[in-house]
Protein backbone atom coordinates (compact mmCIF):
# COMPACT_ATOMS: atom_id res chain seq x y z
CA MET A 1 10.51 -1.19 -82.49
CA GLY A 2 10.83 -1.03 -78.73
CA GLN A 3 12.25 -3.67 -76.46
CA ALA A 4 8.91 -4.69 -74.92
CA ILE A 5 7.17 -5.35 -78.23
CA THR A 6 10.23 -7.20 -79.56
CA LYS A 7 9.98 -9.62 -76.63
CA LEU A 8 6.28 -10.21 -77.30
CA PHE A 9 6.95 -10.92 -80.99
CA ALA A 10 9.30 -13.70 -79.96
CA SER A 11 6.38 -15.51 -78.35
CA GLY A 12 3.83 -15.52 -81.19
CA LYS A 13 2.50 -14.40 -84.54
CA ALA A 14 1.84 -10.85 -85.67
CA VAL A 15 -1.30 -9.09 -86.89
CA ASN A 16 -1.55 -5.76 -88.67
CA PHE A 17 -3.23 -3.10 -86.50
CA ASP A 18 -4.58 -0.17 -88.55
CA PHE A 19 -5.78 2.83 -86.55
CA ASP A 20 -7.41 4.44 -89.60
CA VAL A 21 -9.95 1.70 -90.34
CA ILE A 22 -11.63 1.92 -86.93
CA GLU A 23 -14.88 3.77 -87.63
CA LEU A 24 -15.00 6.42 -84.93
CA HIS A 25 -17.62 9.15 -84.94
CA ILE A 26 -15.69 12.15 -83.66
CA SER A 27 -17.35 15.46 -82.86
CA PRO A 28 -16.10 18.57 -84.69
CA GLY A 29 -14.68 20.00 -81.46
CA ASP A 30 -12.77 16.81 -80.71
CA LYS A 31 -11.50 16.68 -84.31
CA LEU A 32 -10.12 20.19 -83.92
CA VAL A 33 -8.34 19.39 -80.65
CA LEU A 34 -7.00 16.03 -81.86
CA SER A 35 -5.70 17.47 -85.14
CA ARG A 36 -3.49 20.11 -83.54
CA ASP A 37 0.20 19.45 -83.96
CA ALA A 38 3.34 21.36 -83.04
CA ASP A 39 3.72 22.41 -86.66
CA GLY A 40 0.05 23.18 -87.41
CA ILE A 41 -3.08 21.17 -88.11
CA CYS A 42 -2.78 17.49 -88.99
CA PRO A 43 -6.29 16.04 -89.62
CA GLU A 44 -4.94 12.63 -90.70
CA LYS A 45 -3.83 11.97 -87.10
CA VAL A 46 -7.30 12.41 -85.57
CA ASN A 47 -8.38 8.75 -85.67
CA THR A 48 -5.06 7.52 -84.31
CA ARG A 49 -5.12 10.03 -81.48
CA ALA A 50 -8.77 9.33 -80.61
CA THR A 51 -8.07 5.59 -80.54
CA THR A 52 -5.01 6.21 -78.37
CA ALA A 53 -7.06 8.31 -75.91
CA LEU A 54 -9.72 5.59 -75.81
CA ILE A 55 -7.23 2.79 -75.16
CA MET A 56 -5.56 4.86 -72.42
CA SER A 57 -8.96 5.51 -70.77
CA ILE A 58 -9.99 1.86 -70.89
CA ILE A 59 -6.73 0.61 -69.41
CA GLN A 60 -6.67 3.31 -66.74
CA ALA A 61 -10.22 2.35 -65.72
CA SER A 62 -9.36 -1.36 -65.83
CA PHE A 63 -6.40 -0.97 -63.48
CA PRO A 64 -7.33 1.80 -61.02
CA SER A 65 -4.80 0.64 -58.43
CA GLY A 66 -2.01 -0.39 -60.80
CA MET A 67 -1.18 -3.55 -62.72
CA ASN A 68 0.81 -6.67 -62.08
CA ARG A 69 4.07 -7.35 -63.87
CA ARG A 70 2.60 -9.60 -66.60
CA ASP A 71 0.01 -7.00 -67.58
CA GLY A 72 2.66 -4.32 -67.23
CA ARG A 73 4.84 -5.99 -69.86
CA ILE A 74 1.97 -6.09 -72.36
CA TRP A 75 0.95 -2.53 -71.53
CA GLN A 76 4.54 -1.35 -71.95
CA ALA A 77 4.49 -2.75 -75.49
CA TRP A 78 1.22 -0.89 -76.19
CA LEU A 79 2.75 2.32 -74.84
CA GLU A 80 5.64 1.97 -77.29
CA ILE A 81 3.09 1.93 -80.14
CA LEU A 82 0.71 4.56 -78.77
CA GLY A 83 3.53 7.02 -78.18
CA GLU A 84 4.57 7.01 -81.83
CA ASP A 85 1.54 8.69 -83.52
CA ILE A 86 1.59 5.98 -86.20
CA PHE A 87 -1.27 4.78 -88.40
CA LYS A 88 -0.44 1.09 -88.96
CA CYS A 89 1.79 -1.41 -87.23
CA ASP A 90 2.36 -5.11 -86.78
CA ILE A 91 1.70 -6.27 -83.24
CA PRO A 92 1.67 -9.67 -81.56
CA PHE A 93 -1.69 -11.46 -81.58
CA SER A 94 -1.45 -11.84 -77.79
CA GLN A 95 -1.38 -8.05 -77.47
CA VAL A 96 -4.65 -7.76 -79.42
CA GLU A 97 -6.27 -10.48 -77.28
CA TRP A 98 -5.15 -8.73 -74.10
CA LEU A 99 -6.60 -5.38 -75.17
CA ALA A 100 -9.86 -6.96 -76.39
CA ARG A 101 -10.42 -8.49 -72.94
CA TYR A 102 -10.51 -5.02 -71.35
CA VAL A 103 -12.34 -3.26 -74.19
CA ASP A 104 -15.12 -5.86 -73.95
CA ASP A 105 -15.29 -5.91 -70.14
CA GLU A 106 -18.83 -4.77 -69.27
CA GLU A 107 -17.73 -3.55 -65.84
CA VAL A 108 -15.11 -1.06 -67.09
CA LYS A 109 -16.49 2.47 -67.05
CA ILE A 110 -15.22 5.08 -69.53
CA PRO A 111 -16.18 8.70 -70.28
CA PHE A 112 -19.62 8.79 -71.92
CA GLY A 113 -18.27 10.60 -75.00
CA MET A 114 -16.17 7.54 -75.83
CA ALA A 115 -19.01 4.98 -75.82
CA GLN A 116 -19.29 4.76 -79.63
CA TRP A 117 -15.50 4.66 -79.96
CA ARG A 118 -15.36 1.72 -77.57
CA GLU A 119 -17.91 -0.26 -79.59
CA ALA A 120 -16.05 0.52 -82.83
CA LEU A 121 -12.74 -0.60 -81.29
CA SER A 122 -14.38 -3.76 -79.95
CA ARG A 123 -15.75 -4.64 -83.40
CA TYR A 124 -12.35 -3.99 -84.97
CA LEU A 125 -10.40 -6.08 -82.43
CA ASN A 126 -12.83 -8.98 -82.69
CA LYS A 127 -12.66 -8.85 -86.51
CA LEU A 128 -8.86 -8.79 -86.34
CA MET A 129 -8.78 -11.82 -84.05
CA LYS A 130 -11.31 -13.74 -86.16
CA GLU A 131 -9.35 -13.07 -89.36
CA SER A 132 -6.11 -14.10 -87.68
CA MET A 133 -7.62 -17.37 -86.48
CA LYS A 134 -8.98 -18.09 -89.98
CA GLU A 135 -5.47 -17.73 -91.39
CA ASP A 136 -4.28 -20.36 -88.94
CA GLY A 137 -6.90 -22.71 -90.37
């Protein structure tokens, strides 16, 4: 676990983020590109890589001229996760809330091929937050 995410954990509770349960409809061409690995084809990484590309696009569009230090700290923690090619991880609830704010922002424009992915990610993040709040009672 990287230094940025460790600091965020100190300030709140964790939720389990699972890249594989996000229901993305990925075209065959995109599946082929996203499954390529240095040591061959790895189809199980497609969903994680598509979600990573989507999150990167949303954040890049949300901060076209850069981000302030507070957002930078949260984004740094996301980068530690996104750079790992992992399928599941525990992340701070505040990190999920932060991402959901930009995923759900109606003004943020993304490539048209990612429109369905965005809606799927939005549903997943909102479900994750709702379940987490239920646990708190």
